[in-house]
Amino acid sequence: MIEVALISYWRDGSSKVSLNEICKRAGVSKPGIYRAFDGEDGLKQAVLLEYRARILSQFHHILQVEQPFNQTVTSLVAFLQMDRDAIGLPAGCLHADMYEAKGEFGSLTVQTIESIRQESLQQLENWVERARGAGEISPAMPSSIVALYIYAQLQSALRLQRDGVDQEHVLACFRLALSVLDEDAPPGPDQTVTRHQGG
C-alpha cells in the first residue's frame, strides 16, 4: 500500500492523485486506508517517512562521512546520477514536490514535510561547518546560509531531472553552482580584477 502510494505521489504529483485513485491502484478499500492510516493525512505522512528512510537517508549518510569537501560533492553528484529507471523510481524529489504543495495537505503531512526539511538543512550545515573547520570553504558566509544555498542547488538539480533535462547538463550545473564555495577554485573575473587593482 505505502509502496503504491509513494510511487504514485512521486511520479504523478502528491496533490494530483486522489485517495480514490490510490485505492484503485493498490486494490484496497478507502475504509481499509482509514483503518491503517487514519485517513489520507496519515497515509501521506507514512509515505514521507518511507521516502526519508529509503532515499533521503542515503543523502544524509553522504553528508555524515568524514571526507574532504570535494569528495562529498562528488558523492552528491553520484547520488544525483543514480539510475532511477533501473530501480523503478521516478525522477525528481517527492519531498520537494510535497513541500511546494504543502498548503493542500493535513497537519500531520505538513509537520513531517517541515521536519524532514529541517533535518536535511541541519545535515548540510554540519557538513559545511566541518569543511569550514578544515579550511576547505570560505568563512565569509554563515553556515546556515551556505547550507540553504546548497539545498536550493540540490532541489534545482532534481527539478531539472524531473523536467527531462539531459543528465550531463544537470550535473554540470550542480558542480558549477557548488564551485563558488571551493577555496581552491580559481578566482572569477571580478575577483581577478579586484586583486589586480589592489596590487
N, C-alpha and C. Protein backbone atom coordinates (compact mmCIF):
# COMPACT_ATOMS: atom_id res chain seq x y z
N MET A 1 0.82 -1.20 0.00
CA MET A 1 0.00 0.00 0.00
C MET A 1 0.86 1.26 0.00
N ILE A 2 1.81 1.34 0.93
CA ILE A 2 2.69 2.52 1.00
C ILE A 2 3.52 2.62 -0.27
N GLU A 3 3.97 1.47 -0.77
CA GLU A 3 4.79 1.47 -1.99
C GLU A 3 4.00 2.05 -3.17
N VAL A 4 2.77 1.63 -3.31
CA VAL A 4 1.93 2.13 -4.41
C VAL A 4 1.70 3.64 -4.25
N ALA A 5 1.40 4.07 -3.04
CA ALA A 5 1.16 5.49 -2.80
C ALA A 5 2.43 6.31 -3.04
N LEU A 6 3.56 5.79 -2.58
CA LEU A 6 4.83 6.51 -2.74
C LEU A 6 5.13 6.75 -4.21
N ILE A 7 5.08 5.67 -5.02
CA ILE A 7 5.39 5.80 -6.44
C ILE A 7 4.35 6.68 -7.14
N SER A 8 3.09 6.54 -6.76
CA SER A 8 2.04 7.34 -7.39
C SER A 8 2.22 8.83 -7.10
N TYR A 9 2.44 9.17 -5.84
CA TYR A 9 2.64 10.58 -5.48
C TYR A 9 3.91 11.14 -6.13
N TRP A 10 4.95 10.33 -6.14
CA TRP A 10 6.24 10.77 -6.66
C TRP A 10 6.17 10.98 -8.17
N ARG A 11 5.56 10.03 -8.87
CA ARG A 11 5.53 10.10 -10.33
C ARG A 11 4.49 11.09 -10.85
N ASP A 12 3.31 11.12 -10.23
CA ASP A 12 2.19 11.87 -10.78
C ASP A 12 1.90 13.18 -10.06
N GLY A 13 2.54 13.39 -8.90
CA GLY A 13 2.30 14.61 -8.14
C GLY A 13 1.47 14.33 -6.91
N SER A 14 2.00 14.69 -5.77
CA SER A 14 1.36 14.34 -4.50
C SER A 14 0.01 15.01 -4.29
N SER A 15 -0.23 16.13 -4.95
CA SER A 15 -1.51 16.81 -4.80
C SER A 15 -2.46 16.52 -5.95
N LYS A 16 -2.02 15.67 -6.88
CA LYS A 16 -2.81 15.40 -8.09
C LYS A 16 -3.43 14.01 -8.11
N VAL A 17 -3.02 13.15 -7.17
CA VAL A 17 -3.56 11.79 -7.12
C VAL A 17 -4.53 11.69 -5.95
N SER A 18 -5.76 11.37 -6.25
CA SER A 18 -6.78 11.30 -5.21
C SER A 18 -6.64 10.03 -4.39
N LEU A 19 -7.26 10.05 -3.23
CA LEU A 19 -7.26 8.86 -2.38
C LEU A 19 -8.00 7.71 -3.07
N ASN A 20 -9.05 8.05 -3.80
CA ASN A 20 -9.78 7.02 -4.55
C ASN A 20 -8.89 6.34 -5.58
N GLU A 21 -8.04 7.14 -6.23
CA GLU A 21 -7.13 6.58 -7.23
C GLU A 21 -6.08 5.69 -6.57
N ILE A 22 -5.59 6.10 -5.41
CA ILE A 22 -4.63 5.26 -4.67
C ILE A 22 -5.28 3.93 -4.31
N CYS A 23 -6.51 3.99 -3.85
CA CYS A 23 -7.24 2.76 -3.50
C CYS A 23 -7.36 1.85 -4.72
N LYS A 24 -7.68 2.44 -5.85
CA LYS A 24 -7.84 1.67 -7.09
C LYS A 24 -6.52 1.01 -7.49
N ARG A 25 -5.43 1.78 -7.45
CA ARG A 25 -4.13 1.24 -7.86
C ARG A 25 -3.62 0.17 -6.90
N ALA A 26 -3.91 0.35 -5.62
CA ALA A 26 -3.42 -0.59 -4.61
C ALA A 26 -4.36 -1.77 -4.40
N GLY A 27 -5.57 -1.64 -4.92
CA GLY A 27 -6.54 -2.71 -4.74
C GLY A 27 -7.03 -2.83 -3.30
N VAL A 28 -7.21 -1.68 -2.65
CA VAL A 28 -7.69 -1.67 -1.27
C VAL A 28 -8.91 -0.74 -1.18
N SER A 29 -9.64 -0.86 -0.11
CA SER A 29 -10.81 -0.01 0.10
C SER A 29 -10.43 1.24 0.87
N LYS A 30 -11.22 2.28 0.71
CA LYS A 30 -10.98 3.51 1.47
C LYS A 30 -11.10 3.27 2.97
N PRO A 31 -12.10 2.48 3.44
CA PRO A 31 -12.14 2.18 4.87
C PRO A 31 -10.87 1.48 5.35
N GLY A 32 -10.27 0.66 4.47
CA GLY A 32 -9.02 -0.01 4.84
C GLY A 32 -7.90 0.98 5.08
N ILE A 33 -7.85 2.02 4.25
CA ILE A 33 -6.83 3.07 4.43
C ILE A 33 -7.07 3.83 5.72
N TYR A 34 -8.33 4.09 6.02
CA TYR A 34 -8.65 4.81 7.26
C TYR A 34 -8.29 3.97 8.49
N ARG A 35 -8.50 2.65 8.36
CA ARG A 35 -8.13 1.78 9.48
C ARG A 35 -6.62 1.74 9.68
N ALA A 36 -5.88 1.70 8.57
CA ALA A 36 -4.42 1.56 8.65
C ALA A 36 -3.71 2.88 8.95
N PHE A 37 -4.23 3.98 8.39
CA PHE A 37 -3.50 5.25 8.48
C PHE A 37 -4.33 6.40 9.05
N ASP A 38 -5.55 6.13 9.45
CA ASP A 38 -6.44 7.17 9.98
C ASP A 38 -6.72 8.23 8.93
N GLY A 39 -6.74 7.86 7.66
CA GLY A 39 -7.10 8.79 6.60
C GLY A 39 -5.95 9.15 5.68
N GLU A 40 -6.25 10.05 4.75
CA GLU A 40 -5.27 10.45 3.73
C GLU A 40 -4.07 11.18 4.34
N ASP A 41 -4.30 11.98 5.36
CA ASP A 41 -3.21 12.71 6.01
C ASP A 41 -2.20 11.73 6.60
N GLY A 42 -2.69 10.71 7.26
CA GLY A 42 -1.80 9.70 7.83
C GLY A 42 -1.07 8.90 6.77
N LEU A 43 -1.74 8.63 5.65
CA LEU A 43 -1.11 7.90 4.55
C LEU A 43 0.04 8.72 3.97
N LYS A 44 -0.19 10.00 3.74
CA LYS A 44 0.86 10.85 3.17
C LYS A 44 2.03 11.00 4.14
N GLN A 45 1.73 11.07 5.41
CA GLN A 45 2.82 11.11 6.39
C GLN A 45 3.64 9.82 6.34
N ALA A 46 2.96 8.68 6.25
CA ALA A 46 3.66 7.39 6.17
C ALA A 46 4.51 7.29 4.91
N VAL A 47 3.99 7.83 3.81
CA VAL A 47 4.74 7.83 2.55
C VAL A 47 6.01 8.68 2.69
N LEU A 48 5.88 9.84 3.30
CA LEU A 48 7.05 10.72 3.50
C LEU A 48 8.11 10.04 4.37
N LEU A 49 7.69 9.37 5.42
CA LEU A 49 8.63 8.69 6.30
C LEU A 49 9.32 7.54 5.57
N GLU A 50 8.59 6.87 4.69
CA GLU A 50 9.19 5.81 3.88
C GLU A 50 10.21 6.40 2.90
N TYR A 51 9.86 7.54 2.30
CA TYR A 51 10.77 8.23 1.38
C TYR A 51 12.04 8.67 2.10
N ARG A 52 11.87 9.16 3.32
CA ARG A 52 13.03 9.56 4.10
C ARG A 52 13.94 8.37 4.38
N ALA A 53 13.34 7.25 4.77
CA ALA A 53 14.13 6.06 5.12
C ALA A 53 14.82 5.46 3.89
N ARG A 54 14.14 5.50 2.76
CA ARG A 54 14.68 4.84 1.57
C ARG A 54 15.62 5.71 0.75
N ILE A 55 15.28 6.99 0.60
CA ILE A 55 16.05 7.87 -0.29
C ILE A 55 16.87 8.90 0.48
N LEU A 56 16.23 9.68 1.33
CA LEU A 56 16.94 10.76 2.00
C LEU A 56 17.99 10.27 2.98
N SER A 57 17.83 9.08 3.51
CA SER A 57 18.85 8.53 4.41
C SER A 57 20.18 8.36 3.67
N GLN A 58 20.11 8.05 2.37
CA GLN A 58 21.34 7.94 1.58
C GLN A 58 22.02 9.30 1.45
N PHE A 59 21.22 10.33 1.22
CA PHE A 59 21.72 11.70 1.12
C PHE A 59 22.34 12.14 2.45
N HIS A 60 21.67 11.86 3.55
CA HIS A 60 22.19 12.24 4.87
C HIS A 60 23.48 11.49 5.18
N HIS A 61 23.55 10.23 4.78
CA HIS A 61 24.77 9.45 5.02
C HIS A 61 25.97 10.06 4.30
N ILE A 62 25.76 10.51 3.08
CA ILE A 62 26.85 11.15 2.31
C ILE A 62 27.40 12.34 3.08
N LEU A 63 26.51 13.12 3.66
CA LEU A 63 26.92 14.33 4.38
C LEU A 63 27.61 14.02 5.70
N GLN A 64 27.37 12.85 6.25
CA GLN A 64 27.94 12.48 7.54
C GLN A 64 29.33 11.86 7.43
N VAL A 65 29.70 11.42 6.24
CA VAL A 65 31.00 10.77 6.06
C VAL A 65 32.11 11.80 6.21
N GLU A 66 33.12 11.45 7.00
CA GLU A 66 34.28 12.35 7.19
C GLU A 66 35.21 12.22 5.99
N GLN A 67 35.15 13.20 5.09
CA GLN A 67 35.99 13.19 3.90
C GLN A 67 36.13 14.63 3.40
N PRO A 68 37.10 14.90 2.52
CA PRO A 68 37.27 16.26 2.00
C PRO A 68 36.00 16.77 1.31
N PHE A 69 35.84 18.08 1.32
CA PHE A 69 34.67 18.73 0.75
C PHE A 69 34.39 18.28 -0.67
N ASN A 70 35.43 18.29 -1.52
CA ASN A 70 35.24 17.94 -2.93
C ASN A 70 34.82 16.48 -3.12
N GLN A 71 35.27 15.61 -2.23
CA GLN A 71 34.85 14.21 -2.32
C GLN A 71 33.37 14.07 -1.97
N THR A 72 32.91 14.87 -1.02
CA THR A 72 31.48 14.85 -0.70
C THR A 72 30.66 15.38 -1.86
N VAL A 73 31.16 16.42 -2.52
CA VAL A 73 30.47 16.93 -3.71
C VAL A 73 30.38 15.84 -4.77
N THR A 74 31.49 15.11 -4.96
CA THR A 74 31.48 14.01 -5.92
C THR A 74 30.45 12.95 -5.55
N SER A 75 30.34 12.67 -4.26
CA SER A 75 29.35 11.69 -3.80
C SER A 75 27.93 12.20 -4.02
N LEU A 76 27.72 13.50 -3.84
CA LEU A 76 26.40 14.07 -4.09
C LEU A 76 26.06 14.00 -5.58
N VAL A 77 27.06 14.22 -6.42
CA VAL A 77 26.84 14.10 -7.87
C VAL A 77 26.46 12.66 -8.22
N ALA A 78 27.14 11.69 -7.60
CA ALA A 78 26.81 10.28 -7.83
C ALA A 78 25.39 9.97 -7.37
N PHE A 79 24.99 10.60 -6.26
CA PHE A 79 23.62 10.42 -5.76
C PHE A 79 22.61 10.96 -6.78
N LEU A 80 22.89 12.12 -7.35
CA LEU A 80 22.02 12.69 -8.37
C LEU A 80 22.01 11.86 -9.64
N GLN A 81 23.14 11.18 -9.88
CA GLN A 81 23.33 10.41 -11.11
C GLN A 81 22.72 9.00 -11.02
N MET A 82 22.19 8.66 -9.88
CA MET A 82 21.63 7.33 -9.68
C MET A 82 20.63 6.99 -10.80
N ASP A 83 20.75 5.78 -11.32
CA ASP A 83 19.86 5.33 -12.40
C ASP A 83 18.50 4.98 -11.80
N ARG A 84 17.60 5.92 -11.81
CA ARG A 84 16.28 5.71 -11.20
C ARG A 84 15.49 4.63 -11.94
N ASP A 85 15.58 4.63 -13.27
CA ASP A 85 14.81 3.66 -14.05
C ASP A 85 15.16 2.23 -13.67
N ALA A 86 16.44 2.00 -13.41
CA ALA A 86 16.91 0.63 -13.12
C ALA A 86 16.30 0.09 -11.84
N ILE A 87 15.95 0.99 -10.92
CA ILE A 87 15.38 0.53 -9.65
C ILE A 87 13.91 0.94 -9.50
N GLY A 88 13.34 1.35 -10.61
CA GLY A 88 11.90 1.62 -10.64
C GLY A 88 11.45 2.85 -9.89
N LEU A 89 12.31 3.86 -9.83
CA LEU A 89 11.95 5.10 -9.12
C LEU A 89 11.80 6.25 -10.10
N PRO A 90 10.86 7.16 -9.85
CA PRO A 90 10.67 8.33 -10.73
C PRO A 90 11.80 9.35 -10.56
N ALA A 91 11.86 10.28 -11.49
CA ALA A 91 12.82 11.39 -11.39
C ALA A 91 12.27 12.43 -10.42
N GLY A 92 13.13 13.37 -10.04
CA GLY A 92 12.70 14.44 -9.16
C GLY A 92 12.77 14.06 -7.69
N CYS A 93 12.17 14.89 -6.86
CA CYS A 93 12.21 14.70 -5.40
C CYS A 93 10.79 14.78 -4.84
N LEU A 94 10.32 13.69 -4.27
CA LEU A 94 8.98 13.66 -3.69
C LEU A 94 8.83 14.69 -2.59
N HIS A 95 9.84 14.81 -1.74
CA HIS A 95 9.74 15.77 -0.64
C HIS A 95 9.62 17.20 -1.15
N ALA A 96 10.41 17.55 -2.18
CA ALA A 96 10.35 18.90 -2.74
C ALA A 96 8.97 19.16 -3.34
N ASP A 97 8.42 18.17 -4.03
CA ASP A 97 7.10 18.31 -4.62
C ASP A 97 6.05 18.54 -3.54
N MET A 98 6.16 17.79 -2.45
CA MET A 98 5.18 17.92 -1.37
C MET A 98 5.38 19.24 -0.62
N TYR A 99 6.62 19.71 -0.52
CA TYR A 99 6.87 20.99 0.14
C TYR A 99 6.19 22.13 -0.63
N GLU A 100 6.27 22.07 -1.96
CA GLU A 100 5.67 23.11 -2.79
C GLU A 100 4.14 23.12 -2.66
N ALA A 101 3.57 21.94 -2.39
CA ALA A 101 2.12 21.82 -2.34
C ALA A 101 1.59 21.69 -0.90
N LYS A 102 2.41 22.01 0.09
CA LYS A 102 2.06 21.70 1.48
C LYS A 102 0.79 22.40 1.96
N GLY A 103 0.40 23.50 1.32
CA GLY A 103 -0.82 24.19 1.71
C GLY A 103 -2.07 23.36 1.45
N GLU A 104 -1.93 22.29 0.68
CA GLU A 104 -3.08 21.45 0.34
C GLU A 104 -3.19 20.22 1.22
N PHE A 105 -2.26 20.05 2.18
CA PHE A 105 -2.21 18.83 2.97
C PHE A 105 -2.65 19.06 4.41
N GLY A 106 -2.88 17.94 5.11
CA GLY A 106 -3.27 18.00 6.50
C GLY A 106 -2.09 18.27 7.42
N SER A 107 -2.38 18.44 8.70
CA SER A 107 -1.37 18.88 9.66
C SER A 107 -0.24 17.85 9.85
N LEU A 108 -0.57 16.56 9.87
CA LEU A 108 0.48 15.54 10.04
C LEU A 108 1.47 15.58 8.89
N THR A 109 0.95 15.69 7.68
CA THR A 109 1.81 15.74 6.49
C THR A 109 2.68 16.98 6.51
N VAL A 110 2.08 18.13 6.82
CA VAL A 110 2.83 19.38 6.84
C VAL A 110 3.94 19.34 7.90
N GLN A 111 3.64 18.83 9.08
CA GLN A 111 4.65 18.72 10.13
C GLN A 111 5.81 17.83 9.70
N THR A 112 5.51 16.76 9.01
CA THR A 112 6.55 15.83 8.55
C THR A 112 7.38 16.45 7.44
N ILE A 113 6.72 17.16 6.54
CA ILE A 113 7.45 17.88 5.48
C ILE A 113 8.45 18.85 6.09
N GLU A 114 8.00 19.64 7.06
CA GLU A 114 8.87 20.63 7.70
C GLU A 114 10.00 19.96 8.48
N SER A 115 9.67 18.88 9.17
CA SER A 115 10.68 18.17 9.96
C SER A 115 11.78 17.61 9.08
N ILE A 116 11.41 17.02 7.96
CA ILE A 116 12.40 16.45 7.04
C ILE A 116 13.26 17.55 6.43
N ARG A 117 12.64 18.67 6.09
CA ARG A 117 13.40 19.80 5.52
C ARG A 117 14.43 20.31 6.52
N GLN A 118 14.01 20.49 7.77
CA GLN A 118 14.92 20.99 8.79
C GLN A 118 16.05 19.99 9.06
N GLU A 119 15.73 18.71 9.02
CA GLU A 119 16.76 17.70 9.21
C GLU A 119 17.80 17.77 8.11
N SER A 120 17.35 17.89 6.86
CA SER A 120 18.28 17.96 5.73
C SER A 120 19.15 19.22 5.81
N LEU A 121 18.54 20.33 6.17
CA LEU A 121 19.30 21.57 6.30
C LEU A 121 20.33 21.47 7.43
N GLN A 122 19.97 20.82 8.52
CA GLN A 122 20.91 20.65 9.63
C GLN A 122 22.08 19.76 9.22
N GLN A 123 21.79 18.70 8.48
CA GLN A 123 22.86 17.82 8.00
C GLN A 123 23.81 18.59 7.09
N LEU A 124 23.26 19.42 6.23
CA LEU A 124 24.08 20.24 5.34
C LEU A 124 24.91 21.24 6.14
N GLU A 125 24.30 21.85 7.13
CA GLU A 125 25.02 22.83 7.94
C GLU A 125 26.16 22.17 8.71
N ASN A 126 25.93 20.98 9.21
CA ASN A 126 27.01 20.24 9.90
C ASN A 126 28.17 19.97 8.96
N TRP A 127 27.85 19.57 7.74
CA TRP A 127 28.90 19.32 6.74
C TRP A 127 29.67 20.60 6.42
N VAL A 128 28.94 21.70 6.24
CA VAL A 128 29.58 22.98 5.94
C VAL A 128 30.51 23.39 7.09
N GLU A 129 30.07 23.19 8.32
CA GLU A 129 30.90 23.54 9.48
C GLU A 129 32.20 22.73 9.48
N ARG A 130 32.11 21.44 9.17
CA ARG A 130 33.32 20.62 9.13
C ARG A 130 34.26 21.08 8.02
N ALA A 131 33.70 21.39 6.86
CA ALA A 131 34.51 21.86 5.74
C ALA A 131 35.16 23.21 6.06
N ARG A 132 34.41 24.06 6.73
CA ARG A 132 34.96 25.36 7.13
C ARG A 132 36.08 25.18 8.15
N GLY A 133 35.89 24.26 9.09
CA GLY A 133 36.93 23.99 10.08
C GLY A 133 38.20 23.45 9.46
N ALA A 134 38.05 22.75 8.33
CA ALA A 134 39.21 22.20 7.62
C ALA A 134 39.80 23.20 6.62
N GLY A 135 39.23 24.39 6.57
CA GLY A 135 39.74 25.42 5.66
C GLY A 135 39.44 25.15 4.20
N GLU A 136 38.35 24.38 3.95
CA GLU A 136 38.04 24.00 2.57
C GLU A 136 37.04 24.92 1.90
N ILE A 137 36.28 25.68 2.68
CA ILE A 137 35.37 26.65 2.09
C ILE A 137 35.51 27.97 2.84
N SER A 138 35.11 29.03 2.17
CA SER A 138 35.27 30.37 2.74
C SER A 138 34.43 30.57 3.99
N PRO A 139 34.99 31.24 5.00
CA PRO A 139 34.23 31.54 6.22
C PRO A 139 33.40 32.81 6.09
N ALA A 140 33.33 33.39 4.90
CA ALA A 140 32.69 34.69 4.73
C ALA A 140 31.19 34.67 5.01
N MET A 141 30.52 33.56 4.68
CA MET A 141 29.07 33.48 4.85
C MET A 141 28.71 32.56 6.01
N PRO A 142 27.63 32.85 6.73
CA PRO A 142 27.19 31.96 7.82
C PRO A 142 26.90 30.56 7.29
N SER A 143 27.19 29.56 8.09
CA SER A 143 26.99 28.17 7.67
C SER A 143 25.54 27.90 7.30
N SER A 144 24.60 28.52 8.00
CA SER A 144 23.19 28.28 7.72
C SER A 144 22.81 28.78 6.32
N ILE A 145 23.43 29.88 5.90
CA ILE A 145 23.15 30.43 4.57
C ILE A 145 23.76 29.54 3.50
N VAL A 146 24.98 29.07 3.74
CA VAL A 146 25.65 28.18 2.78
C VAL A 146 24.85 26.88 2.65
N ALA A 147 24.37 26.36 3.79
CA ALA A 147 23.58 25.14 3.77
C ALA A 147 22.30 25.33 2.96
N LEU A 148 21.64 26.46 3.14
CA LEU A 148 20.42 26.76 2.39
C LEU A 148 20.71 26.89 0.91
N TYR A 149 21.85 27.48 0.58
CA TYR A 149 22.26 27.62 -0.83
C TYR A 149 22.46 26.25 -1.47
N ILE A 150 23.18 25.36 -0.78
CA ILE A 150 23.43 24.02 -1.33
C ILE A 150 22.12 23.27 -1.46
N TYR A 151 21.26 23.39 -0.47
CA TYR A 151 19.95 22.74 -0.50
C TYR A 151 19.17 23.20 -1.74
N ALA A 152 19.21 24.49 -2.02
CA ALA A 152 18.49 25.04 -3.17
C ALA A 152 19.07 24.49 -4.47
N GLN A 153 20.40 24.32 -4.53
CA GLN A 153 21.02 23.78 -5.75
C GLN A 153 20.64 22.32 -5.97
N LEU A 154 20.57 21.56 -4.89
CA LEU A 154 20.14 20.17 -4.99
C LEU A 154 18.70 20.08 -5.49
N GLN A 155 17.83 20.91 -4.92
CA GLN A 155 16.44 20.91 -5.33
C GLN A 155 16.31 21.32 -6.79
N SER A 156 17.11 22.29 -7.20
CA SER A 156 17.08 22.74 -8.59
C SER A 156 17.53 21.62 -9.52
N ALA A 157 18.59 20.90 -9.15
CA ALA A 157 19.08 19.79 -9.97
C ALA A 157 18.02 18.70 -10.11
N LEU A 158 17.36 18.36 -9.01
CA LEU A 158 16.33 17.33 -9.05
C LEU A 158 15.12 17.78 -9.87
N ARG A 159 14.82 19.06 -9.82
CA ARG A 159 13.70 19.59 -10.61
C ARG A 159 14.03 19.53 -12.10
N LEU A 160 15.29 19.84 -12.44
CA LEU A 160 15.71 19.74 -13.84
C LEU A 160 15.63 18.29 -14.33
N GLN A 161 16.03 17.36 -13.47
CA GLN A 161 15.92 15.94 -13.82
C GLN A 161 14.46 15.58 -14.09
N ARG A 162 13.58 16.01 -13.21
CA ARG A 162 12.16 15.72 -13.35
C ARG A 162 11.62 16.28 -14.66
N ASP A 163 12.16 17.43 -15.08
CA ASP A 163 11.69 18.07 -16.30
C ASP A 163 12.32 17.49 -17.56
N GLY A 164 13.19 16.48 -17.38
CA GLY A 164 13.76 15.79 -18.53
C GLY A 164 15.01 16.43 -19.12
N VAL A 165 15.64 17.33 -18.39
CA VAL A 165 16.90 17.93 -18.87
C VAL A 165 17.99 16.87 -18.92
N ASP A 166 18.84 16.95 -19.92
CA ASP A 166 19.92 15.98 -20.08
C ASP A 166 20.74 15.87 -18.79
N GLN A 167 21.01 14.63 -18.39
CA GLN A 167 21.67 14.38 -17.11
C GLN A 167 23.02 15.08 -17.00
N GLU A 168 23.80 15.06 -18.06
CA GLU A 168 25.12 15.70 -18.01
C GLU A 168 24.99 17.21 -17.79
N HIS A 169 23.97 17.81 -18.36
CA HIS A 169 23.76 19.24 -18.17
C HIS A 169 23.34 19.53 -16.72
N VAL A 170 22.51 18.66 -16.17
CA VAL A 170 22.08 18.83 -14.78
C VAL A 170 23.28 18.77 -13.84
N LEU A 171 24.12 17.77 -14.04
CA LEU A 171 25.29 17.59 -13.17
C LEU A 171 26.29 18.73 -13.34
N ALA A 172 26.46 19.20 -14.58
CA ALA A 172 27.38 20.31 -14.83
C ALA A 172 26.90 21.57 -14.11
N CYS A 173 25.59 21.82 -14.15
CA CYS A 173 25.03 22.98 -13.46
C CYS A 173 25.23 22.87 -11.95
N PHE A 174 25.03 21.67 -11.41
CA PHE A 174 25.20 21.47 -9.98
C PHE A 174 26.65 21.69 -9.55
N ARG A 175 27.58 21.11 -10.30
CA ARG A 175 29.01 21.31 -9.98
C ARG A 175 29.39 22.78 -10.06
N LEU A 176 28.90 23.45 -11.08
CA LEU A 176 29.20 24.88 -11.25
C LEU A 176 28.68 25.68 -10.06
N ALA A 177 27.47 25.38 -9.64
CA ALA A 177 26.87 26.10 -8.51
C ALA A 177 27.68 25.94 -7.24
N LEU A 178 28.19 24.72 -6.99
CA LEU A 178 28.95 24.47 -5.76
C LEU A 178 30.41 24.90 -5.87
N SER A 179 30.89 25.14 -7.09
CA SER A 179 32.29 25.53 -7.25
C SER A 179 32.59 26.87 -6.59
N VAL A 180 31.58 27.71 -6.42
CA VAL A 180 31.82 29.02 -5.79
C VAL A 180 32.19 28.89 -4.33
N LEU A 181 31.95 27.71 -3.74
CA LEU A 181 32.25 27.51 -2.32
C LEU A 181 33.65 26.97 -2.10
N ASP A 182 34.28 26.50 -3.16
CA ASP A 182 35.58 25.83 -3.05
C ASP A 182 36.70 26.85 -2.90
N GLU A 183 37.42 26.79 -1.79
CA GLU A 183 38.52 27.73 -1.55
C GLU A 183 39.65 27.57 -2.56
N ASP A 184 39.78 26.37 -3.16
CA ASP A 184 40.86 26.12 -4.11
C ASP A 184 40.48 26.45 -5.54
N ALA A 185 39.21 26.85 -5.75
CA ALA A 185 38.77 27.15 -7.10
C ALA A 185 39.45 28.43 -7.59
N PRO A 186 39.76 28.52 -8.90
CA PRO A 186 40.38 29.74 -9.43
C PRO A 186 39.44 30.91 -9.30
N PRO A 187 39.96 32.13 -9.11
CA PRO A 187 39.09 33.30 -8.95
C PRO A 187 38.32 33.60 -10.22
N GLY A 188 37.12 34.13 -10.06
CA GLY A 188 36.34 34.55 -11.20
C GLY A 188 36.85 35.88 -11.72
N PRO A 189 36.32 36.38 -12.84
CA PRO A 189 36.79 37.63 -13.45
C PRO A 189 36.76 38.81 -12.49
N ASP A 190 35.67 38.95 -11.72
CA ASP A 190 35.57 40.10 -10.81
C ASP A 190 36.66 40.04 -9.74
N GLN A 191 36.90 38.81 -9.23
CA GLN A 191 37.92 38.67 -8.19
C GLN A 191 39.31 38.98 -8.75
N THR A 192 39.55 38.57 -9.98
CA THR A 192 40.86 38.80 -10.60
C THR A 192 41.12 40.29 -10.74
N VAL A 193 40.11 41.02 -11.20
CA VAL A 193 40.25 42.47 -11.37
C VAL A 193 40.51 43.13 -10.03
N THR A 194 39.78 42.73 -9.02
CA THR A 194 39.94 43.33 -7.70
C THR A 194 41.34 43.10 -7.16
N ARG A 195 41.86 41.90 -7.31
CA ARG A 195 43.19 41.60 -6.82
C ARG A 195 44.25 42.38 -7.58
N HIS A 196 44.04 42.54 -8.90
CA HIS A 196 45.00 43.26 -9.71
C HIS A 196 45.03 44.73 -9.30
N GLN A 197 43.85 45.34 -9.12
CA GLN A 197 43.80 46.74 -8.73
C GLN A 197 44.40 46.95 -7.36
N GLY A 198 44.17 45.96 -6.48
CA GLY A 198 44.71 46.10 -5.14
C GLY A 198 46.21 45.95 -5.12
N GLY A 199 46.79 45.27 -6.13
CA GLY A 199 48.23 45.04 -6.15
C GLY A 199 48.94 46.21 -6.75
